[in-house]
Amino acid sequence: MKYVLARVIMTVSFAVMSAAGLSAIARADMVPNNVVDAPPADIGGPKTEELAGLKLFYVYTTGKEYELTFDADTVTFLPHKDPHAPPGTKFTPGSLHYLARRIRPDLYLVHWLVRSPTMGNIHVALLLDLQEKHVHVSALMPKGVEFFDIADIKSIEWTKGKPKA
């Protein structure tokens, strides 16, 4: 019960922050996430908010292009290109809660889980290697599609200053 209450408070807090306005990612819709009937999370170990202010643009070997913008506990993602999408597809940004762990300077493990009532569970783990400019992904995408790839980071921008090593 405490977990459900904490998630509700986090969601409401983010909704209030979104309404107040965020920087360049203002008013991106939160991805629907049904946590009401979710089992309690089993989260341990260190977490970091060092990614707040980081903006990445990267391209996977499969041709998919993404932009990620991090706040302290939310990430906004914007697909730029998906070779499997119909021509003329308009991509819109979405925001969701994430967890991050600093592995070493410039290497971060990022994770998010979305329990979508319409698309099924979406589970994404990213290894952000800012030094080597790579994003490694292992994900279970909508409708159970497996996504396992590596991307080249094309741009890295720190809007709030890069964290100290």
C-alpha atoms as a PDB file:
ATOM      1  CA  MET A   1       0.000   0.000   0.000  1.00  0.00           C
ATOM      2  CA  LYS A   2       2.864   2.401   0.817  1.00  0.00           C
ATOM      3  CA  TYR A   3       4.333   1.730  -2.637  1.00  0.00           C
ATOM      4  CA  VAL A   4       1.057   2.537  -4.395  1.00  0.00           C
ATOM      5  CA  LEU A   5       0.644   5.723  -2.352  1.00  0.00           C
ATOM      6  CA  ALA A   6       4.226   6.798  -3.117  1.00  0.00           C
ATOM      7  CA  ARG A   7       3.699   6.218  -6.868  1.00  0.00           C
ATOM      8  CA  VAL A   8       0.439   8.214  -6.800  1.00  0.00           C
ATOM      9  CA  ILE A   9       2.203  11.098  -5.016  1.00  0.00           C
ATOM     10  CA  MET A  10       5.072  10.993  -7.550  1.00  0.00           C
ATOM     11  CA  THR A  11       2.645  11.007 -10.470  1.00  0.00           C
ATOM     12  CA  VAL A  12       0.609  13.892  -9.053  1.00  0.00           C
ATOM     13  CA  SER A  13       3.818  15.822  -8.277  1.00  0.00           C
ATOM     14  CA  PHE A  14       4.998  15.438 -11.858  1.00  0.00           C
ATOM     15  CA  ALA A  15       1.613  16.466 -13.215  1.00  0.00           C
ATOM     16  CA  VAL A  16       1.792  19.661 -11.153  1.00  0.00           C
ATOM     17  CA  MET A  17       5.361  20.316 -12.352  1.00  0.00           C
ATOM     18  CA  SER A  18       4.283  19.729 -15.954  1.00  0.00           C
ATOM     19  CA  ALA A  19       1.403  22.154 -15.639  1.00  0.00           C
ATOM     20  CA  ALA A  20       3.758  24.759 -14.181  1.00  0.00           C
ATOM     21  CA  GLY A  21       5.970  24.278 -17.231  1.00  0.00           C
ATOM     22  CA  LEU A  22       9.307  22.636 -17.945  1.00  0.00           C
ATOM     23  CA  SER A  23      12.107  23.892 -20.171  1.00  0.00           C
ATOM     24  CA  ALA A  24      12.276  22.732 -23.804  1.00  0.00           C
ATOM     25  CA  ILE A  25      10.277  19.598 -23.013  1.00  0.00           C
ATOM     26  CA  ALA A  26       7.304  21.412 -21.593  1.00  0.00           C
ATOM     27  CA  ARG A  27       3.929  19.739 -21.672  1.00  0.00           C
ATOM     28  CA  ALA A  28       5.029  16.405 -23.109  1.00  0.00           C
ATOM     29  CA  ASP A  29       2.301  13.959 -22.214  1.00  0.00           C
ATOM     30  CA  MET A  30       3.085  11.458 -19.495  1.00  0.00           C
ATOM     31  CA  VAL A  31       3.000   7.946 -20.862  1.00  0.00           C
ATOM     32  CA  PRO A  32       0.001   6.144 -19.308  1.00  0.00           C
ATOM     33  CA  ASN A  33       1.300   3.830 -16.603  1.00  0.00           C
ATOM     34  CA  ASN A  34      -1.114   1.601 -14.680  1.00  0.00           C
ATOM     35  CA  VAL A  35       0.574   0.983 -11.313  1.00  0.00           C
ATOM     36  CA  VAL A  36      -2.611   0.425  -9.296  1.00  0.00           C
ATOM     37  CA  ASP A  37      -2.502  -3.380  -9.498  1.00  0.00           C
ATOM     38  CA  ALA A  38       1.280  -3.629  -9.919  1.00  0.00           C
ATOM     39  CA  PRO A  39       3.273  -5.796  -7.541  1.00  0.00           C
ATOM     40  CA  PRO A  40       5.564  -3.915  -5.159  1.00  0.00           C
ATOM     41  CA  ALA A  41       8.886  -2.908  -6.685  1.00  0.00           C
ATOM     42  CA  ASP A  42      12.113  -4.495  -5.468  1.00  0.00           C
ATOM     43  CA  ILE A  43      14.570  -1.647  -5.968  1.00  0.00           C
ATOM     44  CA  GLY A  44      17.908  -1.484  -4.164  1.00  0.00           C
ATOM     45  CA  GLY A  45      21.385  -0.128  -4.566  1.00  0.00           C
ATOM     46  CA  PRO A  46      22.492   3.402  -5.348  1.00  0.00           C
ATOM     47  CA  LYS A  47      20.515   5.702  -7.638  1.00  0.00           C
ATOM     48  CA  THR A  48      21.523   9.004  -9.168  1.00  0.00           C
ATOM     49  CA  GLU A  49      19.855  12.160 -10.421  1.00  0.00           C
ATOM     50  CA  GLU A  50      23.062  13.264 -12.197  1.00  0.00           C
ATOM     51  CA  LEU A  51      21.395  12.972 -15.589  1.00  0.00           C
ATOM     52  CA  ALA A  52      19.127  15.957 -14.884  1.00  0.00           C
ATOM     53  CA  GLY A  53      19.744  18.447 -17.664  1.00  0.00           C
ATOM     54  CA  LEU A  54      21.196  15.913 -20.116  1.00  0.00           C
ATOM     55  CA  LYS A  55      19.891  15.938 -23.681  1.00  0.00           C
ATOM     56  CA  LEU A  56      20.973  13.209 -26.115  1.00  0.00           C
ATOM     57  CA  PHE A  57      20.339  12.588 -29.775  1.00  0.00           C
ATOM     58  CA  TYR A  58      21.306   9.122 -31.032  1.00  0.00           C
ATOM     59  CA  VAL A  59      20.836   6.713 -33.928  1.00  0.00           C
ATOM     60  CA  TYR A  60      20.533   2.915 -33.627  1.00  0.00           C
ATOM     61  CA  THR A  61      22.029   0.510 -36.175  1.00  0.00           C
ATOM     62  CA  THR A  62      18.441  -0.366 -37.163  1.00  0.00           C
ATOM     63  CA  GLY A  63      17.930   3.253 -38.300  1.00  0.00           C
ATOM     64  CA  LYS A  64      15.748   4.415 -35.391  1.00  0.00           C
ATOM     65  CA  GLU A  65      16.593   7.916 -34.143  1.00  0.00           C
ATOM     66  CA  TYR A  66      15.723   9.231 -30.687  1.00  0.00           C
ATOM     67  CA  GLU A  67      16.131  12.295 -28.540  1.00  0.00           C
ATOM     68  CA  LEU A  68      16.109  11.953 -24.735  1.00  0.00           C
ATOM     69  CA  THR A  69      15.918  14.847 -22.272  1.00  0.00           C
ATOM     70  CA  PHE A  70      16.381  14.042 -18.587  1.00  0.00           C
ATOM     71  CA  ASP A  71      15.049  15.758 -15.496  1.00  0.00           C
ATOM     72  CA  ALA A  72      15.821  14.490 -11.988  1.00  0.00           C
ATOM     73  CA  ASP A  73      13.261  11.654 -12.110  1.00  0.00           C
ATOM     74  CA  THR A  74      11.562  11.926 -15.503  1.00  0.00           C
ATOM     75  CA  VAL A  75      12.808  11.477 -19.035  1.00  0.00           C
ATOM     76  CA  THR A  76      11.136  12.843 -22.148  1.00  0.00           C
ATOM     77  CA  PHE A  77      11.709  10.868 -25.307  1.00  0.00           C
ATOM     78  CA  LEU A  78      11.024  11.933 -28.854  1.00  0.00           C
ATOM     79  CA  PRO A  79      11.431   9.538 -31.764  1.00  0.00           C
ATOM     80  CA  HIS A  80      12.798  11.338 -34.822  1.00  0.00           C
ATOM     81  CA  LYS A  81      12.817   8.435 -37.269  1.00  0.00           C
ATOM     82  CA  ASP A  82      11.569   4.859 -37.372  1.00  0.00           C
ATOM     83  CA  PRO A  83      12.183   2.984 -40.625  1.00  0.00           C
ATOM     84  CA  HIS A  84       9.143   0.782 -39.896  1.00  0.00           C
ATOM     85  CA  ALA A  85       6.732   3.712 -39.435  1.00  0.00           C
ATOM     86  CA  PRO A  86       4.441   4.650 -42.311  1.00  0.00           C
ATOM     87  CA  PRO A  87       5.582   7.653 -44.377  1.00  0.00           C
ATOM     88  CA  GLY A  88       4.422  10.948 -42.909  1.00  0.00           C
ATOM     89  CA  THR A  89       4.240   9.626 -39.323  1.00  0.00           C
ATOM     90  CA  LYS A  90       4.233  12.493 -36.834  1.00  0.00           C
ATOM     91  CA  PHE A  91       6.130  11.634 -33.670  1.00  0.00           C
ATOM     92  CA  THR A  92       5.193  13.285 -30.382  1.00  0.00           C
ATOM     93  CA  PRO A  93       7.211  13.434 -27.155  1.00  0.00           C
ATOM     94  CA  GLY A  94       6.289  11.370 -24.128  1.00  0.00           C
ATOM     95  CA  SER A  95       7.527  11.626 -20.543  1.00  0.00           C
ATOM     96  CA  LEU A  96       7.877   8.944 -17.906  1.00  0.00           C
ATOM     97  CA  HIS A  97       9.608   8.171 -14.641  1.00  0.00           C
ATOM     98  CA  TYR A  98      12.991   6.465 -14.767  1.00  0.00           C
ATOM     99  CA  LEU A  99      15.700   5.127 -12.477  1.00  0.00           C
ATOM    100  CA  ALA A 100      19.415   5.677 -13.078  1.00  0.00           C
ATOM    101  CA  ARG A 101      22.605   4.326 -11.577  1.00  0.00           C
ATOM    102  CA  ARG A 102      26.071   5.729 -12.155  1.00  0.00           C
ATOM    103  CA  ILE A 103      28.379   2.823 -12.954  1.00  0.00           C
ATOM    104  CA  ARG A 104      31.484   4.994 -13.338  1.00  0.00           C
ATOM    105  CA  PRO A 105      32.090   8.514 -14.642  1.00  0.00           C
ATOM    106  CA  ASP A 106      30.240   8.929 -17.965  1.00  0.00           C
ATOM    107  CA  LEU A 107      28.598   5.463 -17.766  1.00  0.00           C
ATOM    108  CA  TYR A 108      24.972   5.192 -16.575  1.00  0.00           C
ATOM    109  CA  LEU A 109      22.396   2.423 -16.395  1.00  0.00           C
ATOM    110  CA  VAL A 110      18.917   3.836 -17.049  1.00  0.00           C
ATOM    111  CA  HIS A 111      15.691   1.882 -16.595  1.00  0.00           C
ATOM    112  CA  TRP A 112      11.985   2.465 -16.996  1.00  0.00           C
ATOM    113  CA  LEU A 113       8.909   0.278 -16.913  1.00  0.00           C
ATOM    114  CA  VAL A 114       5.497   1.187 -18.265  1.00  0.00           C
ATOM    115  CA  ARG A 115       2.438  -0.927 -17.600  1.00  0.00           C
ATOM    116  CA  SER A 116       0.206   0.142 -20.459  1.00  0.00           C
ATOM    117  CA  PRO A 117      -3.415  -0.986 -20.531  1.00  0.00           C
ATOM    118  CA  THR A 118      -3.365  -0.871 -24.346  1.00  0.00           C
ATOM    119  CA  MET A 119       0.192  -1.882 -25.325  1.00  0.00           C
ATOM    120  CA  GLY A 120       1.177  -4.328 -22.580  1.00  0.00           C
ATOM    121  CA  ASN A 121       4.250  -3.944 -20.399  1.00  0.00           C
ATOM    122  CA  ILE A 122       7.145  -1.939 -21.798  1.00  0.00           C
ATOM    123  CA  HIS A 123      10.519  -2.487 -20.135  1.00  0.00           C
ATOM    124  CA  VAL A 124      13.585  -0.514 -21.230  1.00  0.00           C
ATOM    125  CA  ALA A 125      17.173  -0.704 -19.975  1.00  0.00           C
ATOM    126  CA  LEU A 126      19.732   1.660 -21.495  1.00  0.00           C
ATOM    127  CA  LEU A 127      23.448   1.770 -20.861  1.00  0.00           C
ATOM    128  CA  LEU A 128      24.559   5.315 -21.640  1.00  0.00           C
ATOM    129  CA  ASP A 129      28.283   5.451 -22.373  1.00  0.00           C
ATOM    130  CA  LEU A 130      28.892   9.167 -22.736  1.00  0.00           C
ATOM    131  CA  GLN A 131      32.664   8.759 -23.053  1.00  0.00           C
ATOM    132  CA  GLU A 132      32.454   6.338 -25.992  1.00  0.00           C
ATOM    133  CA  LYS A 133      29.254   8.010 -27.288  1.00  0.00           C
ATOM    134  CA  HIS A 134      27.120   4.857 -27.374  1.00  0.00           C
ATOM    135  CA  VAL A 135      23.680   3.878 -26.107  1.00  0.00           C
ATOM    136  CA  HIS A 136      23.152   0.149 -25.554  1.00  0.00           C
ATOM    137  CA  VAL A 137      19.509  -0.940 -25.316  1.00  0.00           C
ATOM    138  CA  SER A 138      17.750  -4.058 -24.137  1.00  0.00           C
ATOM    139  CA  ALA A 139      14.000  -3.610 -24.193  1.00  0.00           C
ATOM    140  CA  LEU A 140      10.636  -5.288 -24.345  1.00  0.00           C
ATOM    141  CA  MET A 141       8.602  -2.908 -26.471  1.00  0.00           C
ATOM    142  CA  PRO A 142       4.844  -2.588 -27.124  1.00  0.00           C
ATOM    143  CA  LYS A 143       3.122  -5.819 -28.107  1.00  0.00           C
ATOM    144  CA  GLY A 144       6.088  -7.896 -26.887  1.00  0.00           C
ATOM    145  CA  VAL A 145       8.611  -6.808 -29.534  1.00  0.00           C
ATOM    146  CA  GLU A 146      12.200  -7.411 -28.388  1.00  0.00           C
ATOM    147  CA  PHE A 147      14.634  -4.529 -29.014  1.00  0.00           C
ATOM    148  CA  PHE A 148      18.368  -5.169 -28.552  1.00  0.00           C
ATOM    149  CA  ASP A 149      20.740  -2.758 -30.279  1.00  0.00           C
ATOM    150  CA  ILE A 150      23.513  -0.186 -29.994  1.00  0.00           C
ATOM    151  CA  ALA A 151      23.319   3.457 -31.019  1.00  0.00           C
ATOM    152  CA  ASP A 152      25.837   6.145 -31.821  1.00  0.00           C
ATOM    153  CA  ILE A 153      25.296   9.334 -29.830  1.00  0.00           C
ATOM    154  CA  LYS A 154      25.304  12.219 -32.308  1.00  0.00           C
ATOM    155  CA  SER A 155      24.965  15.047 -29.758  1.00  0.00           C
ATOM    156  CA  ILE A 156      25.311  15.497 -26.008  1.00  0.00           C
ATOM    157  CA  GLU A 157      24.080  18.686 -24.344  1.00  0.00           C
ATOM    158  CA  TRP A 158      24.092  19.496 -20.624  1.00  0.00           C
ATOM    159  CA  THR A 159      21.496  22.228 -20.014  1.00  0.00           C
ATOM    160  CA  LYS A 160      22.267  22.407 -16.274  1.00  0.00           C
ATOM    161  CA  GLY A 161      26.023  21.749 -16.386  1.00  0.00           C
ATOM    162  CA  LYS A 162      27.761  18.372 -16.527  1.00  0.00           C
ATOM    163  CA  PRO A 163      28.123  16.596 -13.153  1.00  0.00           C
ATOM    164  CA  LYS A 164      31.588  16.415 -11.593  1.00  0.00           C
ATOM    165  CA  ALA A 165      33.489  13.160 -12.196  1.00  0.00           C
END
